[in-house]
């Protein structure tokens, strides 16, 4: 077990956003969480990594680091690529004195090479394309060799070729780190190219769980509506 969610509940004022959901993600596995906008997908990631508290239930994780890749990269504009990636190594109390500067430089170089961006340490985010910024955010996320990686809409705003590249790196990082990974997405290519299993949320509950193949079979009203992007079905868009 690397991630286990048990009977998780989260409310915002009088609205229940996550309503008694449970699932597991093992080491070396990618789980895709899908659903229409407002279904609670990103909230689940924030609950797992502790950005927001849950009201009841449990989130159990294996010992080690949890990395979060945000939807729009969230790089520091005033820092160059090397300093963005090394930020945790410089600022975390448990890591500040662990590495020499020469070692940090080597770690940054290794992580950039892993995401196919060797030699751009001195560039600033404004000098990079959206796809390159996303890959730098991947390198920053894995600088501590996490055993859990959470991706929030990793292909949002990218063209199809850049999306394919990002999807390939999600799989590569899973293999390199044997990480338990969760990908929040609504993009079918990301689901089919990266995920081992899929859960679908609607109204704060899990309404489908299975493989990407199971999802594509459209054997339930929920999967049929999601795959075909139909307005007709049990799921209603939030006003």
Protein backbone atom coordinates (compact mmCIF):
# COMPACT_ATOMS: atom_id res chain seq x y z
CA UNK A 1 0.00 0.00 0.00
CA UNK A 2 1.27 3.44 -0.87
CA UNK A 3 -2.01 5.41 -0.72
CA UNK A 4 -5.18 4.27 0.99
CA UNK A 5 -8.22 6.50 1.30
CA UNK A 6 -10.90 5.29 3.71
CA UNK A 7 -14.40 6.76 3.93
CA UNK A 8 -13.18 10.27 3.16
CA UNK A 9 -15.61 13.16 3.65
CA UNK A 10 -15.04 16.85 2.93
CA UNK A 11 -17.58 19.64 3.29
CA UNK A 12 -17.39 23.31 2.39
CA UNK A 13 -19.98 25.04 4.56
CA UNK A 14 -23.22 23.11 3.89
CA UNK A 15 -22.06 21.41 0.67
CA UNK A 16 -20.55 17.90 0.79
CA UNK A 17 -17.86 17.88 -1.92
CA UNK A 18 -16.39 14.45 -1.12
CA UNK A 19 -18.91 11.98 0.23
CA UNK A 20 -17.54 8.80 1.84
CA UNK A 21 -15.10 7.61 -0.84
CA UNK A 22 -12.52 4.83 -0.47
CA UNK A 23 -9.75 3.58 -2.79
CA UNK A 24 -6.14 2.35 -2.85
CA UNK A 25 -3.15 3.04 -5.08
CA UNK A 26 -0.19 0.65 -4.95
CA UNK A 27 3.48 1.36 -5.60
CA UNK A 28 4.19 1.52 -9.33
CA UNK A 29 0.53 2.10 -10.19
CA UNK A 30 -1.24 5.07 -11.80
CA UNK A 31 -4.83 5.82 -10.85
CA UNK A 32 -6.77 8.32 -12.97
CA UNK A 33 -9.53 10.28 -11.25
CA UNK A 34 -12.04 11.55 -13.80
CA UNK A 35 -15.36 13.33 -13.84
CA UNK A 36 -17.05 16.50 -15.00
CA UNK A 37 -15.95 19.89 -13.66
CA UNK A 38 -16.92 20.39 -10.02
CA UNK A 39 -17.03 16.68 -9.21
CA UNK A 40 -14.34 16.95 -6.50
CA UNK A 41 -11.32 15.55 -8.39
CA UNK A 42 -8.77 18.19 -7.44
CA UNK A 43 -10.12 18.35 -3.90
CA UNK A 44 -9.13 14.69 -3.43
CA UNK A 45 -5.51 15.53 -4.30
CA UNK A 46 -5.46 18.45 -1.86
CA UNK A 47 -6.84 16.20 0.89
CA UNK A 48 -4.22 13.51 0.25
CA UNK A 49 -1.26 15.89 0.35
CA UNK A 50 -2.62 17.86 3.30
CA UNK A 51 -3.25 21.20 1.60
CA UNK A 52 -6.74 21.18 3.10
CA UNK A 53 -8.13 19.16 6.04
CA UNK A 54 -10.82 16.52 5.69
CA UNK A 55 -13.87 16.30 7.94
CA UNK A 56 -13.84 12.55 8.51
CA UNK A 57 -12.26 9.36 7.24
CA UNK A 58 -8.57 8.49 6.83
CA UNK A 59 -5.74 9.05 4.37
CA UNK A 60 -2.93 6.52 4.85
CA UNK A 61 0.34 6.83 2.92
CA UNK A 62 3.64 4.98 2.95
CA UNK A 63 6.65 6.69 4.51
CA UNK A 64 8.36 9.09 2.13
CA UNK A 65 7.72 12.25 0.17
CA UNK A 66 4.51 13.22 -1.60
CA UNK A 67 5.00 15.36 -4.72
CA UNK A 68 2.32 17.56 -6.29
CA UNK A 69 2.38 18.70 -9.93
CA UNK A 70 0.02 21.64 -10.23
CA UNK A 71 -2.29 22.32 -13.16
CA UNK A 72 -0.40 25.31 -14.55
CA UNK A 73 3.16 24.43 -13.46
CA UNK A 74 3.27 27.06 -10.65
CA UNK A 75 6.93 27.86 -11.23
CA UNK A 76 8.52 30.85 -9.50
CA UNK A 77 8.93 33.50 -12.20
CA UNK A 78 11.81 35.21 -10.39
CA UNK A 79 13.90 32.04 -10.14
CA UNK A 80 15.72 30.31 -12.96
CA UNK A 81 15.08 26.67 -13.80
CA UNK A 82 17.85 25.34 -11.55
CA UNK A 83 16.64 27.28 -8.52
CA UNK A 84 13.02 26.30 -9.17
CA UNK A 85 13.94 22.63 -9.19
CA UNK A 86 16.27 22.88 -6.19
CA UNK A 87 13.80 24.91 -4.12
CA UNK A 88 12.86 22.06 -1.75
CA UNK A 89 16.52 21.09 -1.27
CA UNK A 90 17.36 24.66 -0.24
CA UNK A 91 14.28 25.51 1.82
CA UNK A 92 13.08 22.37 3.60
CA UNK A 93 14.47 22.15 7.13
CA UNK A 94 15.17 18.44 6.83
CA UNK A 95 17.11 18.90 3.57
CA UNK A 96 18.96 22.24 3.93
CA UNK A 97 22.20 20.71 5.21
CA UNK A 98 21.91 17.33 3.53
CA UNK A 99 23.60 18.24 0.22
CA UNK A 100 26.55 20.34 -0.88
CA UNK A 101 25.90 22.86 -3.65
CA UNK A 102 27.84 20.69 -6.09
CA UNK A 103 25.58 17.75 -5.22
CA UNK A 104 22.44 19.87 -5.68
CA UNK A 105 23.72 20.97 -9.08
CA UNK A 106 24.16 17.33 -10.09
CA UNK A 107 20.70 16.37 -8.81
CA UNK A 108 19.09 19.21 -10.79
CA UNK A 109 20.97 18.16 -13.92
CA UNK A 110 19.86 14.54 -13.50
CA UNK A 111 16.21 15.48 -13.05
CA UNK A 112 16.25 17.77 -16.08
CA UNK A 113 17.81 15.03 -18.18
CA UNK A 114 15.11 12.63 -17.01
CA UNK A 115 12.41 14.93 -18.40
CA UNK A 116 14.33 15.63 -21.60
CA UNK A 117 15.48 19.18 -20.82
CA UNK A 118 19.21 18.87 -20.35
CA UNK A 119 21.16 22.12 -20.19
CA UNK A 120 18.44 24.71 -19.51
CA UNK A 121 19.35 25.38 -15.87
CA UNK A 122 19.94 29.12 -16.38
CA UNK A 123 16.74 29.88 -18.31
CA UNK A 124 13.75 31.52 -16.65
CA UNK A 125 10.14 30.26 -16.90
CA UNK A 126 9.21 33.15 -19.22
CA UNK A 127 11.72 31.82 -21.74
CA UNK A 128 10.08 28.39 -21.90
CA UNK A 129 7.06 27.05 -23.75
CA UNK A 130 4.07 25.77 -21.81
CA UNK A 131 5.13 22.17 -22.37
CA UNK A 132 8.67 22.88 -21.19
CA UNK A 133 7.37 24.65 -18.09
CA UNK A 134 5.27 21.60 -17.30
CA UNK A 135 8.30 19.32 -17.62
CA UNK A 136 10.33 21.60 -15.33
CA UNK A 137 7.51 21.32 -12.80
CA UNK A 138 7.85 17.52 -13.10
CA UNK A 139 11.59 17.79 -12.41
CA UNK A 140 10.89 20.00 -9.37
CA UNK A 141 8.30 17.52 -8.08
CA UNK A 142 10.67 14.54 -8.25
CA UNK A 143 13.79 16.25 -6.89
CA UNK A 144 13.30 14.46 -3.54
CA UNK A 145 12.59 11.07 -5.20
CA UNK A 146 9.00 10.88 -3.88
CA UNK A 147 7.15 7.61 -3.55
CA UNK A 148 3.82 9.33 -4.27
CA UNK A 149 3.17 11.75 -7.16
CA UNK A 150 -0.09 13.66 -7.60
CA UNK A 151 -0.85 15.32 -10.95
CA UNK A 152 -3.61 17.92 -11.26
CA UNK A 153 -4.71 18.20 -14.91
CA UNK A 154 -1.14 17.72 -16.20
CA UNK A 155 -2.03 18.31 -19.88
CA UNK A 156 -4.30 21.34 -19.36
CA UNK A 157 -3.70 24.02 -21.98
CA UNK A 158 -1.22 21.97 -24.01
CA UNK A 159 -1.37 21.11 -27.71
CA UNK A 160 -1.85 17.42 -28.64
CA UNK A 161 1.86 16.73 -29.27
CA UNK A 162 2.91 18.34 -25.99
CA UNK A 163 0.17 16.40 -24.21
CA UNK A 164 1.51 13.13 -25.60
CA UNK A 165 5.01 14.03 -24.42
CA UNK A 166 3.75 14.83 -20.92
CA UNK A 167 1.77 11.58 -20.80
CA UNK A 168 4.91 9.65 -21.74
CA UNK A 169 6.84 11.31 -18.92
CA UNK A 170 4.15 10.45 -16.38
CA UNK A 171 4.65 6.78 -17.27
CA UNK A 172 8.45 7.17 -17.30
CA UNK A 173 8.50 8.72 -13.83
CA UNK A 174 6.28 5.96 -12.47
CA UNK A 175 8.78 3.39 -13.71
CA UNK A 176 11.87 5.32 -12.59
CA UNK A 177 10.60 5.92 -9.05
CA UNK A 178 8.15 3.01 -8.66
CA UNK A 179 5.83 5.72 -7.40
CA UNK A 180 2.15 5.45 -6.60
CA UNK A 181 0.62 8.11 -8.86
CA UNK A 182 -2.76 9.79 -9.15
CA UNK A 183 -3.66 11.75 -12.28
CA UNK A 184 -6.68 14.05 -12.20
CA UNK A 185 -7.80 14.54 -15.78
CA UNK A 186 -10.73 14.78 -18.17
CA UNK A 187 -8.63 14.06 -21.27
CA UNK A 188 -9.22 10.64 -22.80
CA UNK A 189 -5.69 10.31 -24.19
CA UNK A 190 -4.22 10.88 -20.72
CA UNK A 191 -6.53 8.23 -19.28
CA UNK A 192 -5.75 5.59 -21.92
CA UNK A 193 -2.01 6.31 -22.19
CA UNK A 194 -1.14 6.57 -18.51
CA UNK A 195 -3.67 4.93 -16.21
CA UNK A 196 -3.74 1.40 -14.84
CA UNK A 197 -7.09 2.02 -13.14
CA UNK A 198 -9.77 4.71 -13.26
CA UNK A 199 -12.32 6.01 -10.79
CA UNK A 200 -15.06 8.44 -11.77
CA UNK A 201 -16.50 10.95 -9.32
CA UNK A 202 -19.93 12.51 -9.47
CA UNK A 203 -21.64 14.48 -6.73
CA UNK A 204 -18.75 13.61 -4.41
CA UNK A 205 -19.14 9.83 -4.81
CA UNK A 206 -17.38 7.14 -6.83
CA UNK A 207 -19.77 6.09 -9.59
CA UNK A 208 -17.32 3.93 -11.57
CA UNK A 209 -14.11 2.02 -10.89
CA UNK A 210 -12.25 -0.11 -13.42
CA UNK A 211 -9.57 -0.12 -16.11
CA UNK A 212 -9.37 2.35 -19.02
CA UNK A 213 -10.67 -0.50 -21.21
CA UNK A 214 -13.68 -0.91 -18.92
CA UNK A 215 -14.33 2.84 -19.15
CA UNK A 216 -14.27 2.80 -22.94
CA UNK A 217 -16.82 -0.04 -23.10
CA UNK A 218 -19.47 2.44 -21.91
CA UNK A 219 -21.31 -0.28 -20.01
CA UNK A 220 -22.86 2.09 -17.46
CA UNK A 221 -24.87 5.29 -17.91
CA UNK A 222 -22.03 7.20 -16.24
CA UNK A 223 -19.22 5.88 -18.44
CA UNK A 224 -21.32 6.27 -21.58
CA UNK A 225 -22.07 9.89 -20.78
CA UNK A 226 -18.45 10.68 -19.90
CA UNK A 227 -16.86 9.01 -22.93
CA UNK A 228 -19.35 10.51 -25.38
CA UNK A 229 -19.37 13.93 -23.62
CA UNK A 230 -23.15 13.84 -23.75
CA UNK A 231 -25.42 16.26 -21.93
CA UNK A 232 -27.92 13.41 -21.62
CA UNK A 233 -27.43 11.04 -18.71
CA UNK A 234 -27.35 10.80 -14.91
CA UNK A 235 -24.63 13.44 -14.47
CA UNK A 236 -25.76 17.06 -14.58
CA UNK A 237 -23.36 19.97 -15.02
CA UNK A 238 -23.01 22.31 -12.06
CA UNK A 239 -24.63 25.69 -12.58
